[in-house]
């Protein structure tokens, strides 16, 4: 009990002495409060026991370390600037009074800028359409100019004639030429021939050129060989020329106003009327069919040979329309075009 009482007395005495020294020093000299407090603490440390001294030294060192780690602040030398460093008060930054006022005009400024910038986008679209019409104007002009050329080219292609070559004409079995296509309603022929004679060697000529198709020309080339042989047998003379009737004619059968279209309308038929021999004699079907014995023999041989080579043969015994002419054609008869008509 005595020891504890003594300690209390000693500590109280020390505290009173420190307070007195602080009061004595602070008004006497113009020194900052912080320096007077430091001196008072130094005086108190003299009277403190060793244990308390060690603690105070450690506390100072730790405080010095913390202060050294913190960034130093510029001191203005006045007590007013050091007041915020008092423990327990945290400095709170306050907004500047002028910043709020400056921010308001900054917010208002974009509004007039938008109004002022409004004409600029209006001017851009006005310029943009002005440029656009120039670009589309050129592309349509090109196709419009080329379109008529393309149409003309198409018309030329349509007008171009596509014809088939005739082997009988190319080989020289018939004499003549390929002529322009024939077209007259349903009548016509794509590759007609104009023939003047038949045969390579010693050709048998027509009294007048005939117009026919390639199928008829090829058959006539074979037919004349048999006709020449029949003339030599019956008359003892060669044939010099052939007299013909109708070749290409756009008409109905027998020249009627109704009925089916004749094969003459397709250059696919020929009417034989007479033959002229090299000895100057002429034999006609109209008189020779019932004429002299040699004429009868000759014309019936021609009729038989014709029925073997042509699909349709109509003579004086067929009908009254063919008493003066022997009709020959390569028309189609039957389902597969193999039937023949021989009258």
Protein backbone atom coordinates (compact mmCIF):
# COMPACT_ATOMS: atom_id res chain seq x y z
CA UNK A 1 0.00 0.00 0.00
CA UNK A 2 2.78 2.44 0.85
CA UNK A 3 4.52 1.84 -2.48
CA UNK A 4 1.42 2.46 -4.53
CA UNK A 5 0.58 5.55 -2.60
CA UNK A 6 4.05 6.89 -3.15
CA UNK A 7 3.80 6.31 -6.89
CA UNK A 8 0.56 8.19 -7.08
CA UNK A 9 2.02 11.12 -5.24
CA UNK A 10 5.05 11.18 -7.46
CA UNK A 11 3.04 11.03 -10.65
CA UNK A 12 0.72 13.75 -9.49
CA UNK A 13 3.60 15.96 -8.55
CA UNK A 14 5.18 15.45 -11.94
CA UNK A 15 1.97 16.32 -13.71
CA UNK A 16 1.59 19.52 -11.74
CA UNK A 17 5.16 20.53 -12.52
CA UNK A 18 4.73 19.88 -16.22
CA UNK A 19 1.57 21.94 -16.36
CA UNK A 20 3.25 24.83 -14.57
CA UNK A 21 6.19 24.78 -16.93
CA UNK A 22 3.88 24.79 -19.94
CA UNK A 23 1.97 27.79 -18.63
CA UNK A 24 5.18 29.58 -17.89
CA UNK A 25 6.82 28.94 -21.25
CA UNK A 26 3.93 29.42 -23.71
CA UNK A 27 3.09 33.08 -22.94
CA UNK A 28 6.69 34.09 -22.49
CA UNK A 29 7.91 33.32 -25.99
CA UNK A 30 6.35 33.52 -29.43
CA UNK A 31 6.68 29.86 -30.11
CA UNK A 32 4.22 27.50 -31.65
CA UNK A 33 2.09 25.33 -29.46
CA UNK A 34 3.55 22.21 -30.90
CA UNK A 35 7.11 23.16 -29.77
CA UNK A 36 5.99 24.02 -26.19
CA UNK A 37 4.22 20.71 -25.93
CA UNK A 38 7.35 18.93 -27.09
CA UNK A 39 9.44 20.63 -24.40
CA UNK A 40 6.92 19.76 -21.73
CA UNK A 41 7.03 16.18 -22.81
CA UNK A 42 10.83 16.22 -22.63
CA UNK A 43 10.69 17.56 -19.06
CA UNK A 44 8.17 14.93 -18.05
CA UNK A 45 10.33 12.21 -19.50
CA UNK A 46 13.11 13.18 -17.14
CA UNK A 47 10.93 12.33 -14.15
CA UNK A 48 9.36 9.25 -15.73
CA UNK A 49 10.65 5.81 -14.87
CA UNK A 50 12.74 3.93 -17.37
CA UNK A 51 9.91 1.70 -18.54
CA UNK A 52 7.78 4.65 -19.53
CA UNK A 53 10.77 6.26 -21.25
CA UNK A 54 11.29 3.24 -23.43
CA UNK A 55 7.65 3.21 -24.44
CA UNK A 56 7.67 6.89 -25.28
CA UNK A 57 10.85 6.48 -27.36
CA UNK A 58 9.29 3.63 -29.31
CA UNK A 59 6.12 5.63 -29.88
CA UNK A 60 8.16 8.58 -31.19
CA UNK A 61 10.11 6.42 -33.56
CA UNK A 62 6.98 4.85 -34.95
CA UNK A 63 5.42 8.30 -35.32
CA UNK A 64 8.53 9.60 -37.09
CA UNK A 65 8.47 6.63 -39.45
CA UNK A 66 4.85 7.25 -40.30
CA UNK A 67 5.51 10.93 -40.89
CA UNK A 68 8.49 10.11 -43.11
CA UNK A 69 6.34 7.74 -45.16
CA UNK A 70 3.58 10.34 -45.65
CA UNK A 71 4.08 12.98 -48.36
CA UNK A 72 5.19 16.29 -46.95
CA UNK A 73 2.84 19.24 -47.18
CA UNK A 74 3.97 22.75 -47.82
CA UNK A 75 3.53 24.81 -44.71
CA UNK A 76 2.46 28.45 -45.05
CA UNK A 77 3.88 29.32 -41.59
CA UNK A 78 0.50 30.26 -40.18
CA UNK A 79 -1.47 28.47 -37.52
CA UNK A 80 -4.59 28.53 -39.68
CA UNK A 81 -3.06 26.17 -42.25
CA UNK A 82 -2.07 23.62 -39.54
CA UNK A 83 -5.49 23.40 -37.94
CA UNK A 84 -6.71 20.70 -40.32
CA UNK A 85 -3.88 18.43 -39.02
CA UNK A 86 -5.51 18.18 -35.60
CA UNK A 87 -6.44 14.55 -34.91
CA UNK A 88 -10.12 13.73 -35.02
CA UNK A 89 -11.01 16.09 -37.89
CA UNK A 90 -10.95 14.81 -41.47
CA UNK A 91 -10.57 17.49 -44.16
CA UNK A 92 -13.44 17.25 -46.66
CA UNK A 93 -12.91 18.96 -50.04
CA UNK A 94 -15.66 21.39 -50.86
CA UNK A 95 -16.71 22.26 -54.42
CA UNK A 96 -15.64 25.61 -55.64
CA UNK A 97 -18.40 28.14 -55.87
CA UNK A 98 -17.27 29.15 -59.34
CA UNK A 99 -17.17 25.59 -60.68
CA UNK A 100 -20.93 25.14 -60.50
CA UNK A 101 -21.46 28.43 -62.26
CA UNK A 102 -18.91 27.53 -64.92
CA UNK A 103 -20.47 24.11 -65.45
CA UNK A 104 -23.89 25.59 -66.20
CA UNK A 105 -22.77 27.65 -69.17
CA UNK A 106 -20.81 24.64 -70.40
CA UNK A 107 -24.03 22.61 -70.38
CA UNK A 108 -25.91 25.41 -72.11
CA UNK A 109 -23.22 25.91 -74.73
CA UNK A 110 -23.89 22.59 -76.56
CA UNK A 111 -27.50 23.70 -77.14
CA UNK A 112 -26.58 26.73 -79.26
CA UNK A 113 -23.87 24.63 -80.88
CA UNK A 114 -26.52 22.05 -81.90
CA UNK A 115 -28.70 24.85 -83.25
CA UNK A 116 -25.78 26.33 -85.10
CA UNK A 117 -24.70 22.91 -86.39
CA UNK A 118 -28.22 22.16 -87.63
CA UNK A 119 -27.73 24.06 -90.92
CA UNK A 120 -24.51 22.17 -91.61
CA UNK A 121 -26.23 18.74 -91.82
CA UNK A 122 -29.00 20.40 -93.86
CA UNK A 123 -26.39 21.65 -96.28
CA UNK A 124 -24.80 18.18 -96.55
CA UNK A 125 -28.00 16.40 -97.62
CA UNK A 126 -28.59 19.21 -100.09
CA UNK A 127 -25.15 18.56 -101.56
CA UNK A 128 -25.57 14.76 -101.42
CA UNK A 129 -28.65 14.58 -103.69
CA UNK A 130 -26.93 16.94 -106.10
CA UNK A 131 -24.11 14.39 -106.43
CA UNK A 132 -26.42 11.34 -106.58
CA UNK A 133 -28.37 12.33 -109.73
CA UNK A 134 -25.10 12.68 -111.60
CA UNK A 135 -24.10 9.05 -110.89
CA UNK A 136 -27.43 7.34 -111.77
CA UNK A 137 -27.81 9.51 -114.86
CA UNK A 138 -24.84 7.83 -116.55
CA UNK A 139 -25.73 4.12 -116.00
CA UNK A 140 -29.25 4.30 -117.48
CA UNK A 141 -27.92 6.25 -120.46
CA UNK A 142 -25.57 3.37 -121.33
CA UNK A 143 -28.16 0.57 -121.43
CA UNK A 144 -30.68 2.79 -123.25
CA UNK A 145 -28.16 3.46 -125.98
CA UNK A 146 -27.14 -0.19 -126.19
CA UNK A 147 -30.73 -1.49 -126.08
CA UNK A 148 -31.57 -0.43 -129.65
CA UNK A 149 -28.34 -1.97 -130.87
CA UNK A 150 -29.23 -5.21 -129.13
CA UNK A 151 -32.70 -5.14 -130.64
CA UNK A 152 -31.28 -4.54 -134.10
CA UNK A 153 -28.85 -7.38 -133.58
CA UNK A 154 -31.70 -9.63 -132.47
CA UNK A 155 -33.69 -8.63 -135.55
CA UNK A 156 -30.72 -9.41 -137.75
CA UNK A 157 -30.38 -12.80 -136.10
CA UNK A 158 -34.07 -13.47 -136.72
CA UNK A 159 -33.68 -12.44 -140.35
CA UNK A 160 -30.69 -14.68 -140.82
CA UNK A 161 -31.51 -17.65 -143.05
CA UNK A 162 -30.64 -21.13 -141.82
CA UNK A 163 -30.84 -23.59 -144.72
CA UNK A 164 -29.84 -27.19 -145.21
CA UNK A 165 -27.35 -28.22 -147.86
CA UNK A 166 -28.59 -30.72 -150.43
CA UNK A 167 -26.24 -33.66 -151.12
CA UNK A 168 -27.67 -34.16 -154.63
CA UNK A 169 -26.77 -30.57 -155.51
CA UNK A 170 -23.34 -30.77 -153.87
CA UNK A 171 -22.48 -34.06 -155.63
CA UNK A 172 -23.58 -32.77 -159.04
CA UNK A 173 -26.44 -35.23 -159.45
CA UNK A 174 -28.62 -32.20 -160.20
CA UNK A 175 -27.74 -28.87 -161.77
CA UNK A 176 -29.04 -25.72 -160.11
CA UNK A 177 -28.70 -23.61 -156.99
CA UNK A 178 -30.05 -23.05 -153.50
CA UNK A 179 -32.51 -20.14 -153.41
CA UNK A 180 -34.07 -18.02 -150.68
CA UNK A 181 -36.66 -19.63 -148.41
CA UNK A 182 -40.26 -19.66 -149.60
CA UNK A 183 -42.92 -18.39 -147.20
CA UNK A 184 -46.56 -17.73 -148.04
CA UNK A 185 -48.90 -18.42 -145.13
CA UNK A 186 -48.89 -22.14 -144.49
CA UNK A 187 -46.98 -22.67 -147.73
CA UNK A 188 -43.23 -22.52 -148.07
CA UNK A 189 -39.90 -24.31 -147.99
CA UNK A 190 -36.82 -23.48 -145.90
CA UNK A 191 -34.21 -24.72 -148.39
CA UNK A 192 -35.69 -24.69 -151.91
CA UNK A 193 -33.67 -25.47 -155.02
CA UNK A 194 -33.93 -24.03 -158.49
CA UNK A 195 -32.97 -26.85 -160.89
CA UNK A 196 -32.10 -26.45 -164.57
CA UNK A 197 -30.95 -30.01 -165.38
CA UNK A 198 -30.47 -33.50 -163.98
CA UNK A 199 -27.36 -35.68 -164.21
CA UNK A 200 -23.59 -35.26 -164.18
CA UNK A 201 -22.67 -36.57 -167.63
CA UNK A 202 -24.94 -35.59 -170.52
CA UNK A 203 -27.39 -33.83 -168.13
CA UNK A 204 -31.07 -33.98 -168.92
CA UNK A 205 -32.33 -30.40 -168.94
CA UNK A 206 -35.73 -29.01 -168.05
CA UNK A 207 -37.59 -26.97 -170.62
CA UNK A 208 -37.89 -24.33 -167.86
CA UNK A 209 -36.17 -24.26 -164.45
CA UNK A 210 -38.18 -25.88 -161.68
CA UNK A 211 -38.41 -25.06 -157.97
CA UNK A 212 -38.38 -28.07 -155.67
CA UNK A 213 -36.91 -29.37 -152.43
CA UNK A 214 -33.89 -31.58 -151.83
CA UNK A 215 -35.89 -34.80 -151.39
CA UNK A 216 -37.49 -34.39 -154.79
CA UNK A 217 -34.15 -33.46 -156.39
CA UNK A 218 -32.43 -36.60 -155.09
CA UNK A 219 -35.28 -38.84 -156.31
CA UNK A 220 -35.43 -37.15 -159.71
CA UNK A 221 -31.70 -37.85 -160.17
CA UNK A 222 -32.40 -41.61 -159.87
CA UNK A 223 -35.70 -41.41 -161.80
CA UNK A 224 -34.12 -39.90 -164.95
CA UNK A 225 -31.80 -42.88 -165.32
CA UNK A 226 -34.77 -45.23 -165.64
CA UNK A 227 -36.64 -42.81 -167.94
CA UNK A 228 -33.66 -42.58 -170.30
CA UNK A 229 -33.48 -46.36 -170.52
CA UNK A 230 -37.24 -46.52 -171.33
CA UNK A 231 -36.86 -43.92 -174.10
CA UNK A 232 -34.01 -45.87 -175.74
CA UNK A 233 -36.10 -49.04 -175.63
CA UNK A 234 -39.34 -47.53 -176.98
CA UNK A 235 -38.05 -44.85 -179.38
CA UNK A 236 -34.45 -45.84 -179.98
CA UNK A 237 -33.39 -42.29 -179.06
CA UNK A 238 -32.18 -40.41 -176.05
CA UNK A 239 -34.14 -37.79 -174.16
CA UNK A 240 -32.93 -34.22 -174.59
CA UNK A 241 -35.34 -32.25 -172.36
CA UNK A 242 -38.26 -32.70 -169.98
CA UNK A 243 -41.43 -30.63 -170.21
CA UNK A 244 -43.00 -29.91 -166.81
CA UNK A 245 -46.22 -28.41 -165.48
CA UNK A 246 -46.68 -27.22 -161.91
CA UNK A 247 -43.78 -27.22 -159.47
CA UNK A 248 -44.07 -24.91 -156.40
CA UNK A 249 -47.56 -23.46 -156.04
CA UNK A 250 -49.34 -22.40 -152.84
CA UNK A 251 -52.75 -24.01 -153.36
CA UNK A 252 -55.14 -26.77 -152.35
CA UNK A 253 -55.23 -30.20 -153.99
CA UNK A 254 -56.27 -29.97 -157.66
CA UNK A 255 -56.48 -26.18 -157.28
CA UNK A 256 -59.68 -26.40 -155.22
CA UNK A 257 -60.97 -23.87 -152.68
CA UNK A 258 -61.34 -26.44 -149.89
CA UNK A 259 -59.68 -29.62 -148.77
CA UNK A 260 -56.12 -30.36 -147.83
CA UNK A 261 -53.10 -28.41 -148.98
CA UNK A 262 -51.30 -29.78 -151.99
CA UNK A 263 -47.70 -31.02 -151.84
CA UNK A 264 -46.97 -28.40 -154.49
CA UNK A 265 -47.37 -25.82 -151.71
CA UNK A 266 -44.23 -27.21 -150.03
CA UNK A 267 -42.08 -27.58 -153.17
CA UNK A 268 -42.50 -31.31 -152.71
CA UNK A 269 -44.23 -32.16 -156.01
CA UNK A 270 -43.70 -31.93 -159.77
CA UNK A 271 -46.00 -32.53 -162.77
CA UNK A 272 -44.42 -34.19 -165.86
CA UNK A 273 -46.15 -33.36 -169.19
CA UNK A 274 -43.76 -34.27 -172.04
CA UNK A 275 -40.32 -35.40 -173.22
CA UNK A 276 -38.31 -34.11 -176.17
CA UNK A 277 -35.99 -36.61 -177.84
CA UNK A 278 -32.67 -35.83 -179.48
CA UNK A 279 -34.04 -36.94 -182.86
CA UNK A 280 -36.45 -34.01 -182.65
CA UNK A 281 -39.53 -36.03 -181.69
CA UNK A 282 -41.72 -34.95 -178.76
CA UNK A 283 -44.08 -37.23 -176.86
CA UNK A 284 -46.83 -35.81 -174.62
CA UNK A 285 -48.81 -37.59 -171.92
CA UNK A 286 -52.15 -36.18 -173.11
CA UNK A 287 -51.81 -37.94 -176.51
CA UNK A 288 -49.22 -40.60 -175.82
CA UNK A 289 -51.07 -42.42 -172.99
CA UNK A 290 -53.52 -43.70 -175.57
CA UNK A 291 -51.28 -42.99 -178.58
CA UNK A 292 -49.02 -45.19 -180.69
CA UNK A 293 -47.83 -48.51 -179.32
CA UNK A 294 -44.30 -47.18 -178.60
CA UNK A 295 -45.76 -44.14 -176.81
CA UNK A 296 -48.07 -46.33 -174.75
CA UNK A 297 -45.14 -48.56 -173.84
CA UNK A 298 -42.96 -45.60 -172.93
CA UNK A 299 -45.50 -43.74 -170.75
CA UNK A 300 -46.55 -46.87 -168.88
CA UNK A 301 -42.86 -47.65 -168.19
CA UNK A 302 -42.43 -44.10 -166.86
CA UNK A 303 -45.55 -44.51 -164.69
CA UNK A 304 -44.29 -47.81 -163.20
CA UNK A 305 -40.81 -46.42 -162.49
CA UNK A 306 -42.36 -43.38 -160.84
CA UNK A 307 -44.51 -45.53 -158.52
CA UNK A 308 -41.37 -47.39 -157.39
CA UNK A 309 -39.52 -44.17 -156.44
CA UNK A 310 -42.13 -41.57 -155.40
CA UNK A 311 -44.68 -41.79 -152.60
CA UNK A 312 -47.53 -40.40 -154.73
CA UNK A 313 -48.07 -40.94 -158.47
CA UNK A 314 -51.30 -39.89 -160.22
CA UNK A 315 -51.70 -40.29 -163.98
CA UNK A 316 -54.49 -40.23 -166.58
CA UNK A 317 -56.13 -43.31 -165.01
CA UNK A 318 -56.21 -41.61 -161.60
CA UNK A 319 -58.61 -38.74 -162.19
CA UNK A 320 -59.63 -36.25 -164.85
CA UNK A 321 -57.33 -33.55 -163.42
CA UNK A 322 -54.27 -35.62 -164.40
CA UNK A 323 -55.10 -36.65 -167.96
CA UNK A 324 -52.47 -34.26 -169.26
CA UNK A 325 -49.85 -34.52 -166.51
CA UNK A 326 -48.16 -37.14 -164.36
CA UNK A 327 -48.15 -35.97 -160.72
CA UNK A 328 -45.10 -36.97 -158.65
CA UNK A 329 -44.49 -36.10 -154.97
CA UNK A 330 -42.82 -37.35 -151.80
CA UNK A 331 -45.76 -36.71 -149.46
CA UNK A 332 -46.35 -38.69 -146.27
CA UNK A 333 -49.03 -41.38 -146.30
CA UNK A 334 -49.95 -43.65 -143.42
CA UNK A 335 -48.92 -43.57 -139.77
CA UNK A 336 -45.20 -43.97 -140.45
CA UNK A 337 -45.11 -42.40 -143.94
CA UNK A 338 -44.43 -45.71 -145.67
CA UNK A 339 -47.67 -46.05 -147.63
CA UNK A 340 -47.67 -45.21 -151.34
CA UNK A 341 -50.33 -43.96 -153.73
CA UNK A 342 -49.98 -45.11 -157.33
CA UNK A 343 -52.83 -44.23 -159.73
